[in-house]
All heavy atoms as atom14 arrays in JSON, in Angstrom:
{
  "sequence": "MPEATRRLLTEETGTFQPVKGSGYALKNIREQIRITYG",
  "atom14_mask": [
    [1, 1, 1, 1, 1, 1, 1, 1, 0, 0, 0, 0, 0, 0],
    [1, 1, 1, 1, 1, 1, 1, 0, 0, 0, 0, 0, 0, 0],
    [1, 1, 1, 1, 1, 1, 1, 1, 1, 0, 0, 0, 0, 0],
    [1, 1, 1, 1, 1, 0, 0, 0, 0, 0, 0, 0, 0, 0],
    [1, 1, 1, 1, 1, 1, 1, 0, 0, 0, 0, 0, 0, 0],
    [1, 1, 1, 1, 1, 1, 1, 1, 1, 1, 1, 0, 0, 0],
    [1, 1, 1, 1, 1, 1, 1, 1, 1, 1, 1, 0, 0, 0],
    [1, 1, 1, 1, 1, 1, 1, 1, 0, 0, 0, 0, 0, 0],
    [1, 1, 1, 1, 1, 1, 1, 1, 0, 0, 0, 0, 0, 0],
    [1, 1, 1, 1, 1, 1, 1, 0, 0, 0, 0, 0, 0, 0],
    [1, 1, 1, 1, 1, 1, 1, 1, 1, 0, 0, 0, 0, 0],
    [1, 1, 1, 1, 1, 1, 1, 1, 1, 0, 0, 0, 0, 0],
    [1, 1, 1, 1, 1, 1, 1, 0, 0, 0, 0, 0, 0, 0],
    [1, 1, 1, 1, 0, 0, 0, 0, 0, 0, 0, 0, 0, 0],
    [1, 1, 1, 1, 1, 1, 1, 0, 0, 0, 0, 0, 0, 0],
    [1, 1, 1, 1, 1, 1, 1, 1, 1, 1, 1, 0, 0, 0],
    [1, 1, 1, 1, 1, 1, 1, 1, 1, 0, 0, 0, 0, 0],
    [1, 1, 1, 1, 1, 1, 1, 0, 0, 0, 0, 0, 0, 0],
    [1, 1, 1, 1, 1, 1, 1, 0, 0, 0, 0, 0, 0, 0],
    [1, 1, 1, 1, 1, 1, 1, 1, 1, 0, 0, 0, 0, 0],
    [1, 1, 1, 1, 0, 0, 0, 0, 0, 0, 0, 0, 0, 0],
    [1, 1, 1, 1, 1, 1, 0, 0, 0, 0, 0, 0, 0, 0],
    [1, 1, 1, 1, 0, 0, 0, 0, 0, 0, 0, 0, 0, 0],
    [1, 1, 1, 1, 1, 1, 1, 1, 1, 1, 1, 1, 0, 0],
    [1, 1, 1, 1, 1, 0, 0, 0, 0, 0, 0, 0, 0, 0],
    [1, 1, 1, 1, 1, 1, 1, 1, 0, 0, 0, 0, 0, 0],
    [1, 1, 1, 1, 1, 1, 1, 1, 1, 0, 0, 0, 0, 0],
    [1, 1, 1, 1, 1, 1, 1, 1, 0, 0, 0, 0, 0, 0],
    [1, 1, 1, 1, 1, 1, 1, 1, 0, 0, 0, 0, 0, 0],
    [1, 1, 1, 1, 1, 1, 1, 1, 1, 1, 1, 0, 0, 0],
    [1, 1, 1, 1, 1, 1, 1, 1, 1, 0, 0, 0, 0, 0],
    [1, 1, 1, 1, 1, 1, 1, 1, 1, 0, 0, 0, 0, 0],
    [1, 1, 1, 1, 1, 1, 1, 1, 0, 0, 0, 0, 0, 0],
    [1, 1, 1, 1, 1, 1, 1, 1, 1, 1, 1, 0, 0, 0],
    [1, 1, 1, 1, 1, 1, 1, 1, 0, 0, 0, 0, 0, 0],
    [1, 1, 1, 1, 1, 1, 1, 0, 0, 0, 0, 0, 0, 0],
    [1, 1, 1, 1, 1, 1, 1, 1, 1, 1, 1, 1, 0, 0],
    [1, 1, 1, 1, 0, 0, 0, 0, 0, 0, 0, 0, 0, 0]
  ],
  "atom14_positions": [
    [[-7.33, 7.45, -14.55], [-6.03, 8.01, -14.65], [-5.21, 7.22, -15.59], [-5.49, 6.03, -15.87], [-5.38, 7.97, -13.27], [-5.09, 6.55, -12.68], [-4.39, 6.59, -11.01], [-5.88, 6.9, -10.02], [0.0, 0.0, 0.0], [0.0, 0.0, 0.0], [0.0, 0.0, 0.0], [0.0, 0.0, 0.0], [0.0, 0.0, 0.0], [0.0, 0.0, 0.0]],
    [[-4.14, 7.75, -16.18], [-3.29, 7.04, -17.13], [-2.56, 5.94, -16.34], [-2.32, 6.04, -15.18], [-2.32, 8.15, -17.6], [-2.95, 9.43, -17.33], [-3.86, 9.19, -16.1], [0.0, 0.0, 0.0], [0.0, 0.0, 0.0], [0.0, 0.0, 0.0], [0.0, 0.0, 0.0], [0.0, 0.0, 0.0], [0.0, 0.0, 0.0], [0.0, 0.0, 0.0]],
    [[-2.19, 4.92, -17.08], [-1.53, 3.72, -16.45], [-0.17, 4.24, -15.75], [0.17, 3.74, -14.7], [-1.2, 2.76, -17.52], [-0.35, 1.56, -17.02], [-0.93, 0.8, -15.81], [-2.15, 0.94, -15.62], [-0.16, 0.18, -15.15], [0.0, 0.0, 0.0], [0.0, 0.0, 0.0], [0.0, 0.0, 0.0], [0.0, 0.0, 0.0], [0.0, 0.0, 0.0]],
    [[0.53, 5.15, -16.3], [1.76, 5.67, -15.7], [1.46, 6.26, -14.33], [2.26, 6.1, -13.39], [2.43, 6.68, -16.67], [0.0, 0.0, 0.0], [0.0, 0.0, 0.0], [0.0, 0.0, 0.0], [0.0, 0.0, 0.0], [0.0, 0.0, 0.0], [0.0, 0.0, 0.0], [0.0, 0.0, 0.0], [0.0, 0.0, 0.0], [0.0, 0.0, 0.0]],
    [[0.37, 7.02, -14.27], [0.08, 7.64, -12.95], [-0.34, 6.57, -11.92], [0.08, 6.55, -10.78], [-1.13, 8.67, -13.16], [-0.75, 9.59, -14.05], [-1.46, 9.2, -11.77], [0.0, 0.0, 0.0], [0.0, 0.0, 0.0], [0.0, 0.0, 0.0], [0.0, 0.0, 0.0], [0.0, 0.0, 0.0], [0.0, 0.0, 0.0], [0.0, 0.0, 0.0]],
    [[-1.16, 5.58, -12.39], [-1.57, 4.52, -11.57], [-0.39, 3.7, -10.96], [-0.3, 3.4, -9.8], [-2.55, 3.58, -12.2], [-3.19, 2.5, -11.34], [-3.48, 1.26, -12.12], [-2.33, 0.59, -12.64], [-1.54, -0.19, -11.87], [-1.78, -0.46, -10.63], [-0.48, -0.76, -12.45], [0.0, 0.0, 0.0], [0.0, 0.0, 0.0], [0.0, 0.0, 0.0]],
    [[0.58, 3.43, -11.87], [1.71, 2.69, -11.53], [2.63, 3.43, -10.54], [3.09, 2.91, -9.56], [2.53, 2.31, -12.71], [3.63, 1.29, -12.46], [4.22, 0.74, -13.74], [4.69, 1.71, -14.73], [4.06, 2.0, -15.85], [2.97, 1.35, -16.22], [4.46, 2.92, -16.68], [0.0, 0.0, 0.0], [0.0, 0.0, 0.0], [0.0, 0.0, 0.0]],
    [[2.69, 4.77, -10.77], [3.54, 5.56, -9.87], [2.94, 5.64, -8.45], [3.65, 5.5, -7.46], [3.61, 7.01, -10.4], [4.37, 8.03, -9.58], [5.85, 7.62, -9.42], [4.31, 9.43, -10.14], [0.0, 0.0, 0.0], [0.0, 0.0, 0.0], [0.0, 0.0, 0.0], [0.0, 0.0, 0.0], [0.0, 0.0, 0.0], [0.0, 0.0, 0.0]],
    [[1.56, 5.75, -8.42], [0.95, 5.81, -7.08], [1.06, 4.48, -6.4], [1.3, 4.4, -5.19], [-0.59, 6.14, -7.3], [-0.9, 7.58, -7.57], [-2.4, 7.73, -7.94], [-0.5, 8.5, -6.43], [0.0, 0.0, 0.0], [0.0, 0.0, 0.0], [0.0, 0.0, 0.0], [0.0, 0.0, 0.0], [0.0, 0.0, 0.0], [0.0, 0.0, 0.0]],
    [[0.95, 3.37, -7.16], [1.08, 2.02, -6.57], [2.52, 1.81, -6.0], [2.7, 1.34, -4.92], [0.78, 0.91, -7.56], [-0.56, 1.15, -8.06], [0.91, -0.47, -6.98], [0.0, 0.0, 0.0], [0.0, 0.0, 0.0], [0.0, 0.0, 0.0], [0.0, 0.0, 0.0], [0.0, 0.0, 0.0], [0.0, 0.0, 0.0], [0.0, 0.0, 0.0]],
    [[3.52, 2.25, -6.72], [4.85, 2.13, -6.29], [5.16, 3.03, -5.15], [5.8, 2.58, -4.15], [5.87, 2.59, -7.45], [5.85, 1.58, -8.62], [6.57, 2.05, -9.84], [7.08, 3.21, -9.82], [6.78, 1.33, -10.82], [0.0, 0.0, 0.0], [0.0, 0.0, 0.0], [0.0, 0.0, 0.0], [0.0, 0.0, 0.0], [0.0, 0.0, 0.0]],
    [[4.61, 4.26, -5.17], [4.89, 5.15, -4.04], [4.19, 4.69, -2.77], [4.69, 4.9, -1.67], [4.36, 6.56, -4.33], [5.2, 7.23, -5.44], [4.66, 8.67, -5.68], [3.54, 8.98, -5.41], [5.57, 9.47, -6.18], [0.0, 0.0, 0.0], [0.0, 0.0, 0.0], [0.0, 0.0, 0.0], [0.0, 0.0, 0.0], [0.0, 0.0, 0.0]],
    [[3.04, 4.05, -2.82], [2.35, 3.64, -1.65], [2.85, 2.21, -1.22], [2.4, 1.71, -0.19], [0.83, 3.6, -1.91], [0.54, 2.67, -2.96], [0.27, 4.9, -2.1], [0.0, 0.0, 0.0], [0.0, 0.0, 0.0], [0.0, 0.0, 0.0], [0.0, 0.0, 0.0], [0.0, 0.0, 0.0], [0.0, 0.0, 0.0], [0.0, 0.0, 0.0]],
    [[3.82, 1.69, -1.88], [4.27, 0.32, -1.55], [5.54, 0.35, -0.74], [5.97, -0.62, -0.17], [0.0, 0.0, 0.0], [0.0, 0.0, 0.0], [0.0, 0.0, 0.0], [0.0, 0.0, 0.0], [0.0, 0.0, 0.0], [0.0, 0.0, 0.0], [0.0, 0.0, 0.0], [0.0, 0.0, 0.0], [0.0, 0.0, 0.0], [0.0, 0.0, 0.0]],
    [[6.21, 1.49, -0.61], [7.45, 1.67, 0.15], [7.37, 2.87, 1.03], [6.61, 3.81, 0.77], [8.61, 1.82, -0.81], [8.47, 2.94, -1.64], [8.79, 0.55, -1.71], [0.0, 0.0, 0.0], [0.0, 0.0, 0.0], [0.0, 0.0, 0.0], [0.0, 0.0, 0.0], [0.0, 0.0, 0.0], [0.0, 0.0, 0.0], [0.0, 0.0, 0.0]],
    [[8.14, 2.88, 2.06], [8.11, 3.94, 3.01], [8.8, 5.21, 2.39], [9.83, 5.2, 1.9], [8.78, 3.63, 4.32], [8.83, 4.86, 5.24], [7.76, 5.29, 5.95], [9.97, 5.58, 5.36], [7.76, 6.35, 6.76], [10.05, 6.73, 6.14], [8.95, 7.12, 6.92], [0.0, 0.0, 0.0], [0.0, 0.0, 0.0], [0.0, 0.0, 0.0]],
    [[8.0, 6.33, 2.48], [8.57, 7.64, 2.08], [7.91, 8.66, 3.06], [6.91, 8.42, 3.56], [8.23, 7.98, 0.67], [8.84, 7.1, -0.47], [8.56, 7.63, -1.77], [8.29, 8.79, -1.99], [8.55, 6.7, -2.71], [0.0, 0.0, 0.0], [0.0, 0.0, 0.0], [0.0, 0.0, 0.0], [0.0, 0.0, 0.0], [0.0, 0.0, 0.0]],
    [[8.57, 9.85, 3.23], [7.94, 10.88, 3.9], [6.57, 11.17, 3.25], [6.45, 11.24, 2.02], [8.82, 12.11, 3.77], [10.21, 11.48, 3.56], [9.92, 10.2, 2.78], [0.0, 0.0, 0.0], [0.0, 0.0, 0.0], [0.0, 0.0, 0.0], [0.0, 0.0, 0.0], [0.0, 0.0, 0.0], [0.0, 0.0, 0.0], [0.0, 0.0, 0.0]],
    [[5.48, 11.32, 4.04], [4.18, 11.43, 3.54], [3.9, 12.91, 3.08], [3.56, 13.76, 3.86], [3.08, 11.0, 4.48], [1.67, 11.14, 3.89], [3.41, 9.55, 4.95], [0.0, 0.0, 0.0], [0.0, 0.0, 0.0], [0.0, 0.0, 0.0], [0.0, 0.0, 0.0], [0.0, 0.0, 0.0], [0.0, 0.0, 0.0], [0.0, 0.0, 0.0]],
    [[4.21, 13.23, 1.77], [3.99, 14.52, 1.25], [3.9, 14.43, -0.23], [4.16, 13.33, -0.84], [5.17, 15.46, 1.68], [6.46, 15.0, 1.19], [7.57, 15.94, 1.71], [8.93, 15.46, 1.18], [10.08, 16.33, 1.67], [0.0, 0.0, 0.0], [0.0, 0.0, 0.0], [0.0, 0.0, 0.0], [0.0, 0.0, 0.0], [0.0, 0.0, 0.0]],
    [[3.55, 15.51, -0.93], [3.52, 15.53, -2.42], [2.27, 14.88, -2.92], [1.28, 14.67, -2.36], [0.0, 0.0, 0.0], [0.0, 0.0, 0.0], [0.0, 0.0, 0.0], [0.0, 0.0, 0.0], [0.0, 0.0, 0.0], [0.0, 0.0, 0.0], [0.0, 0.0, 0.0], [0.0, 0.0, 0.0], [0.0, 0.0, 0.0], [0.0, 0.0, 0.0]],
    [[2.4, 14.56, -4.26], [1.3, 13.95, -4.93], [0.9, 12.59, -4.35], [1.78, 11.84, -3.92], [1.63, 13.74, -6.4], [2.73, 12.87, -6.55], [0.0, 0.0, 0.0], [0.0, 0.0, 0.0], [0.0, 0.0, 0.0], [0.0, 0.0, 0.0], [0.0, 0.0, 0.0], [0.0, 0.0, 0.0], [0.0, 0.0, 0.0], [0.0, 0.0, 0.0]],
    [[-0.37, 12.29, -4.38], [-0.86, 11.0, -3.81], [-0.72, 10.94, -2.35], [-0.67, 9.94, -1.69], [0.0, 0.0, 0.0], [0.0, 0.0, 0.0], [0.0, 0.0, 0.0], [0.0, 0.0, 0.0], [0.0, 0.0, 0.0], [0.0, 0.0, 0.0], [0.0, 0.0, 0.0], [0.0, 0.0, 0.0], [0.0, 0.0, 0.0], [0.0, 0.0, 0.0]],
    [[-0.72, 12.17, -1.65], [-0.54, 12.19, -0.19], [-1.51, 11.3, 0.56], [-1.0, 10.54, 1.41], [-0.78, 13.72, 0.24], [-0.91, 13.83, 1.79], [0.19, 13.92, 2.56], [-2.2, 13.8, 2.32], [0.13, 14.03, 3.94], [-2.35, 13.92, 3.72], [-1.2, 14.02, 4.45], [-1.3, 14.13, 5.86], [0.0, 0.0, 0.0], [0.0, 0.0, 0.0]],
    [[-2.75, 11.36, 0.26], [-3.69, 10.58, 1.07], [-3.46, 9.03, 0.88], [-3.44, 8.31, 1.95], [-5.14, 10.87, 0.62], [0.0, 0.0, 0.0], [0.0, 0.0, 0.0], [0.0, 0.0, 0.0], [0.0, 0.0, 0.0], [0.0, 0.0, 0.0], [0.0, 0.0, 0.0], [0.0, 0.0, 0.0], [0.0, 0.0, 0.0], [0.0, 0.0, 0.0]],
    [[-3.12, 8.57, -0.29], [-2.95, 7.15, -0.49], [-1.64, 6.71, 0.17], [-1.55, 5.6, 0.75], [-2.84, 6.84, -2.0], [-4.17, 7.03, -2.74], [-4.02, 6.76, -4.18], [-5.32, 6.21, -2.15], [0.0, 0.0, 0.0], [0.0, 0.0, 0.0], [0.0, 0.0, 0.0], [0.0, 0.0, 0.0], [0.0, 0.0, 0.0], [0.0, 0.0, 0.0]],
    [[-0.6, 7.5, 0.16], [0.66, 7.19, 0.86], [0.43, 7.14, 2.31], [0.96, 6.17, 3.0], [1.69, 8.22, 0.49], [2.23, 8.28, -0.92], [3.36, 9.29, -1.04], [3.12, 10.16, -2.25], [4.17, 11.24, -2.36], [0.0, 0.0, 0.0], [0.0, 0.0, 0.0], [0.0, 0.0, 0.0], [0.0, 0.0, 0.0], [0.0, 0.0, 0.0]],
    [[-0.29, 8.07, 2.83], [-0.61, 8.09, 4.19], [-1.34, 6.83, 4.69], [-1.0, 6.25, 5.75], [-1.39, 9.4, 4.55], [-1.65, 9.62, 6.02], [-2.28, 8.82, 6.68], [-1.12, 10.74, 6.51], [0.0, 0.0, 0.0], [0.0, 0.0, 0.0], [0.0, 0.0, 0.0], [0.0, 0.0, 0.0], [0.0, 0.0, 0.0], [0.0, 0.0, 0.0]],
    [[-2.41, 6.49, 3.91], [-3.17, 5.27, 4.23], [-2.31, 4.02, 4.26], [-2.38, 3.21, 5.09], [-4.33, 5.2, 3.3], [-5.4, 6.34, 3.6], [-5.02, 3.83, 3.4], [-6.43, 6.47, 2.56], [0.0, 0.0, 0.0], [0.0, 0.0, 0.0], [0.0, 0.0, 0.0], [0.0, 0.0, 0.0], [0.0, 0.0, 0.0], [0.0, 0.0, 0.0]],
    [[-1.5, 3.93, 3.17], [-0.63, 2.82, 3.0], [0.4, 2.63, 4.19], [0.58, 1.56, 4.78], [0.19, 2.88, 1.7], [1.18, 1.64, 1.56], [0.44, 0.39, 1.49], [1.28, -0.76, 1.5], [1.63, -1.42, 2.62], [1.15, -1.04, 3.8], [2.45, -2.51, 2.54], [0.0, 0.0, 0.0], [0.0, 0.0, 0.0], [0.0, 0.0, 0.0]],
    [[0.85, 3.78, 4.69], [1.79, 3.75, 5.8], [1.14, 3.35, 7.08], [1.59, 2.65, 7.92], [2.45, 5.11, 5.98], [3.67, 5.29, 5.13], [4.62, 4.2, 5.27], [5.24, 4.01, 6.35], [4.87, 3.41, 4.33], [0.0, 0.0, 0.0], [0.0, 0.0, 0.0], [0.0, 0.0, 0.0], [0.0, 0.0, 0.0], [0.0, 0.0, 0.0]],
    [[-0.11, 3.81, 7.3], [-0.95, 3.45, 8.49], [-1.2, 1.93, 8.5], [-1.0, 1.26, 9.51], [-2.28, 4.16, 8.5], [-2.19, 5.69, 8.78], [-3.54, 6.28, 8.94], [-4.31, 6.01, 9.84], [-3.9, 7.13, 7.97], [0.0, 0.0, 0.0], [0.0, 0.0, 0.0], [0.0, 0.0, 0.0], [0.0, 0.0, 0.0], [0.0, 0.0, 0.0]],
    [[-1.52, 1.36, 7.34], [-1.76, -0.05, 7.21], [-0.48, -0.79, 7.46], [-0.43, -1.81, 8.19], [-2.34, -0.41, 5.83], [-3.8, 0.2, 5.71], [-2.44, -1.93, 5.68], [-4.4, -0.01, 4.36], [0.0, 0.0, 0.0], [0.0, 0.0, 0.0], [0.0, 0.0, 0.0], [0.0, 0.0, 0.0], [0.0, 0.0, 0.0], [0.0, 0.0, 0.0]],
    [[0.6, -0.38, 6.86], [1.85, -1.03, 7.07], [2.38, -1.06, 8.47], [2.74, -2.12, 8.99], [2.93, -0.34, 6.17], [4.34, -1.09, 6.12], [5.36, -0.22, 5.51], [5.69, 0.98, 6.33], [6.55, 0.89, 7.34], [7.11, -0.2, 7.68], [6.79, 2.03, 7.97], [0.0, 0.0, 0.0], [0.0, 0.0, 0.0], [0.0, 0.0, 0.0]],
    [[2.23, 0.07, 9.16], [2.71, 0.15, 10.56], [1.86, -0.68, 11.44], [2.38, -1.34, 12.39], [2.65, 1.65, 10.95], [3.78, 2.47, 10.29], [2.87, 1.81, 12.47], [3.69, 3.97, 10.37], [0.0, 0.0, 0.0], [0.0, 0.0, 0.0], [0.0, 0.0, 0.0], [0.0, 0.0, 0.0], [0.0, 0.0, 0.0], [0.0, 0.0, 0.0]],
    [[0.51, -0.69, 11.16], [-0.44, -1.39, 12.16], [-0.58, -2.82, 11.85], [-0.61, -3.65, 12.79], [-1.82, -0.71, 12.01], [-1.69, 0.77, 12.28], [-2.78, -1.25, 13.05], [0.0, 0.0, 0.0], [0.0, 0.0, 0.0], [0.0, 0.0, 0.0], [0.0, 0.0, 0.0], [0.0, 0.0, 0.0], [0.0, 0.0, 0.0], [0.0, 0.0, 0.0]],
    [[-0.66, -3.25, 10.53], [-0.95, -4.65, 10.19], [0.18, -5.32, 9.52], [0.2, -6.59, 9.48], [-2.18, -4.64, 9.27], [-3.39, -3.95, 9.92], [-3.86, -2.76, 9.41], [-4.06, -4.52, 10.96], [-4.92, -2.09, 10.02], [-5.13, -3.92, 11.54], [-5.57, -2.71, 11.03], [-6.68, -2.03, 11.57], [0.0, 0.0, 0.0], [0.0, 0.0, 0.0]],
    [[1.17, -4.64, 8.9], [2.27, -5.3, 8.24], [2.26, -5.09, 6.76], [1.29, -4.6, 6.11], [0.0, 0.0, 0.0], [0.0, 0.0, 0.0], [0.0, 0.0, 0.0], [0.0, 0.0, 0.0], [0.0, 0.0, 0.0], [0.0, 0.0, 0.0], [0.0, 0.0, 0.0], [0.0, 0.0, 0.0], [0.0, 0.0, 0.0], [0.0, 0.0, 0.0]]
  ]
}
C-alpha cells in the first residue's frame, strides 16, 4: 500500500473511533487489544 494509506491506517487504529469504514478489521482489532490489554 502507499505510505499515505499505511499512515492513515496506523493513525486510525491508534485512537478510539466508532469501528466502521475503511480499515474496519484493523480498527476493530486495535480496539479489542486496547480494551483488554491497554
